[in-house]
Amino acid sequence: MGKGTPSRRGGKIVHIRCRRCGSHSFHRQHEVCSSCGFGDTARRRSYSWAKLKR
């Protein structure tokens, strides 16, 4: 194959380590952590349907 979406995604680091929760979920461009919500809200991102990680 060749061409298409996968060929355009090479070598870009999108997510980095979050300063608040430490997970590798902080989006560099949006400046928001998808795991804890840092950069978007003062409260921690949490949902009742999500399992508690321990």
N, C-alpha and C. Protein backbone atom coordinates (compact mmCIF):
# COMPACT_ATOMS: atom_id res chain seq x y z
N MET A 1 0.85 -1.19 0.00
CA MET A 1 0.00 0.00 0.00
C MET A 1 0.89 1.24 0.00
N GLY A 2 0.38 2.30 0.54
CA GLY A 2 1.09 3.56 0.57
C GLY A 2 0.08 4.69 0.54
N LYS A 3 0.54 5.87 0.80
CA LYS A 3 -0.32 7.06 0.84
C LYS A 3 -1.46 6.86 1.84
N GLY A 4 -2.22 7.88 2.06
CA GLY A 4 -3.32 7.77 3.01
C GLY A 4 -2.94 8.31 4.38
N THR A 5 -3.84 8.21 5.35
CA THR A 5 -3.67 8.77 6.68
C THR A 5 -2.42 8.28 7.42
N PRO A 6 -2.12 6.98 7.49
CA PRO A 6 -0.96 6.53 8.24
C PRO A 6 0.37 7.15 7.79
N SER A 7 0.47 7.43 6.50
CA SER A 7 1.71 8.01 6.00
C SER A 7 1.91 9.46 6.43
N ARG A 8 0.85 10.10 6.87
CA ARG A 8 0.94 11.49 7.31
C ARG A 8 1.15 11.65 8.81
N ARG A 9 1.21 10.56 9.57
CA ARG A 9 1.31 10.64 11.01
C ARG A 9 2.70 10.28 11.55
N GLY A 10 3.69 10.34 10.75
CA GLY A 10 5.01 9.87 11.15
C GLY A 10 5.79 10.82 12.03
N GLY A 11 6.26 10.32 13.17
CA GLY A 11 7.24 11.03 14.00
C GLY A 11 6.75 12.17 14.85
N LYS A 12 5.46 12.39 14.95
CA LYS A 12 4.98 13.51 15.75
C LYS A 12 4.61 13.01 17.15
N ILE A 13 5.16 13.66 18.17
CA ILE A 13 4.83 13.31 19.56
C ILE A 13 3.64 14.16 19.96
N VAL A 14 2.49 13.52 20.12
CA VAL A 14 1.26 14.23 20.44
C VAL A 14 1.07 14.36 21.94
N HIS A 15 1.19 13.24 22.67
CA HIS A 15 0.99 13.25 24.12
C HIS A 15 2.32 13.15 24.87
N ILE A 16 2.44 13.93 25.94
CA ILE A 16 3.61 13.89 26.82
C ILE A 16 3.12 13.63 28.25
N ARG A 17 4.05 13.47 29.17
CA ARG A 17 3.71 13.18 30.56
C ARG A 17 3.04 14.40 31.21
N CYS A 18 1.97 14.15 31.95
CA CYS A 18 1.21 15.21 32.62
C CYS A 18 1.90 15.62 33.92
N ARG A 19 1.91 16.92 34.22
CA ARG A 19 2.53 17.43 35.44
C ARG A 19 1.71 17.09 36.67
N ARG A 20 0.39 16.96 36.53
CA ARG A 20 -0.48 16.71 37.68
C ARG A 20 -0.63 15.23 38.01
N CYS A 21 -0.98 14.41 37.01
CA CYS A 21 -1.26 12.99 37.30
C CYS A 21 -0.11 12.07 36.94
N GLY A 22 0.83 12.53 36.12
CA GLY A 22 1.98 11.72 35.77
C GLY A 22 1.77 10.75 34.63
N SER A 23 0.54 10.64 34.13
CA SER A 23 0.28 9.72 33.02
C SER A 23 0.72 10.36 31.70
N HIS A 24 0.88 9.54 30.69
CA HIS A 24 1.36 9.99 29.38
C HIS A 24 0.16 10.42 28.54
N SER A 25 -0.60 11.41 29.04
CA SER A 25 -1.87 11.78 28.42
C SER A 25 -2.04 13.27 28.17
N PHE A 26 -0.99 14.05 28.36
CA PHE A 26 -1.10 15.50 28.17
C PHE A 26 -0.89 15.83 26.70
N HIS A 27 -1.90 16.43 26.07
CA HIS A 27 -1.84 16.77 24.65
C HIS A 27 -1.06 18.07 24.49
N ARG A 28 0.03 18.02 23.76
CA ARG A 28 0.92 19.18 23.64
C ARG A 28 0.25 20.36 22.96
N GLN A 29 -0.51 20.11 21.91
CA GLN A 29 -1.13 21.20 21.15
C GLN A 29 -2.36 21.76 21.86
N HIS A 30 -3.21 20.89 22.38
CA HIS A 30 -4.42 21.34 23.08
C HIS A 30 -4.14 21.79 24.50
N GLU A 31 -2.99 21.37 25.04
CA GLU A 31 -2.57 21.69 26.40
C GLU A 31 -3.60 21.25 27.44
N VAL A 32 -4.12 20.02 27.27
CA VAL A 32 -5.09 19.43 28.18
C VAL A 32 -4.73 17.96 28.38
N CYS A 33 -4.83 17.49 29.62
CA CYS A 33 -4.58 16.09 29.91
C CYS A 33 -5.89 15.31 29.75
N SER A 34 -5.85 14.25 28.96
CA SER A 34 -7.05 13.45 28.72
C SER A 34 -7.35 12.52 29.89
N SER A 35 -6.40 12.34 30.78
CA SER A 35 -6.61 11.46 31.92
C SER A 35 -7.21 12.19 33.12
N CYS A 36 -6.62 13.33 33.50
CA CYS A 36 -7.08 14.02 34.72
C CYS A 36 -7.75 15.36 34.44
N GLY A 37 -7.66 15.88 33.22
CA GLY A 37 -8.31 17.13 32.87
C GLY A 37 -7.48 18.37 33.16
N PHE A 38 -6.21 18.19 33.50
CA PHE A 38 -5.33 19.32 33.79
C PHE A 38 -5.23 20.24 32.57
N GLY A 39 -5.35 21.53 32.80
CA GLY A 39 -5.31 22.50 31.72
C GLY A 39 -6.70 22.93 31.27
N ASP A 40 -7.71 22.16 31.68
CA ASP A 40 -9.08 22.45 31.30
C ASP A 40 -9.93 22.78 32.52
N THR A 41 -9.65 22.07 33.63
CA THR A 41 -10.46 22.25 34.83
C THR A 41 -9.61 22.15 36.09
N ALA A 42 -10.04 22.81 37.15
CA ALA A 42 -9.32 22.76 38.42
C ALA A 42 -9.57 21.44 39.14
N ARG A 43 -10.75 20.84 38.87
CA ARG A 43 -11.09 19.55 39.47
C ARG A 43 -10.51 18.42 38.64
N ARG A 44 -10.29 17.30 39.27
CA ARG A 44 -9.80 16.12 38.56
C ARG A 44 -10.91 15.52 37.71
N ARG A 45 -10.56 15.12 36.51
CA ARG A 45 -11.52 14.48 35.62
C ARG A 45 -11.82 13.09 36.15
N SER A 46 -13.08 12.81 36.42
CA SER A 46 -13.48 11.48 36.90
C SER A 46 -14.93 11.22 36.52
N TYR A 47 -15.22 9.98 36.20
CA TYR A 47 -16.56 9.56 35.83
C TYR A 47 -16.93 8.29 36.58
N SER A 48 -18.22 8.14 36.87
CA SER A 48 -18.68 6.98 37.64
C SER A 48 -18.53 5.69 36.84
N TRP A 49 -18.55 5.78 35.48
CA TRP A 49 -18.44 4.58 34.67
C TRP A 49 -16.99 4.13 34.49
N ALA A 50 -16.06 4.98 34.88
CA ALA A 50 -14.64 4.63 34.73
C ALA A 50 -14.15 3.83 35.94
N LYS A 51 -13.32 2.83 35.67
CA LYS A 51 -12.77 2.03 36.75
C LYS A 51 -11.70 2.81 37.48
N LEU A 52 -11.61 2.61 38.78
CA LEU A 52 -10.60 3.27 39.59
C LEU A 52 -9.28 2.55 39.42
N LYS A 53 -8.25 3.28 38.98
CA LYS A 53 -6.93 2.68 38.74
C LYS A 53 -6.13 2.65 40.04
N ARG A 54 -5.68 1.48 40.43
CA ARG A 54 -4.84 1.36 41.62
C ARG A 54 -3.80 0.30 41.42
